[in-house]
């Protein structure tokens, strides 16, 4: 069973971290703990399996990145893992996946990039293609940003 404090921590964390220099300090004040106590409790909850996933979802459009694209890459299968590592290591890439090729669809690596304009995304993809030596790629631009939401536990 979870303690009331653990439930309170989960309620606060699932609302998202505050966009301040020390988000855990801000949360700890709401919970009546010190920052160190809160961080220790979160680490304990992760170690025990009470918290299994701790992630972040950025609203890129709110940050001024109104263009985003999935860049699909046709990479030789024997190079896909290494090329994927290179792509995933690029600061501009927010997501990177390897998937099996499908009939009529030659692409096996998928990356997501963001920019302030479509042209900026196109230029970035071109630079990436040159860096990894993969000339066969295509950009698929998003039309709308879909709502990102997570499961809510212990809601009031």
Foldseek 3Di string as FASTA:
>chain_A
DDDPLVLLLQQVVQVPFDPDPLSLCVVCVVSVHHSVVSVVVVVVCCVVVVDPDRDDDDPVVVVQFPKKWKKFFQDPPVCVVVLQVVQVPDPQWPDKDADDADVVGRTGIITMGTHNDPVVVVVVVVVSCVVSVTPDMDIDIDPDDDDDHDDRPPDD
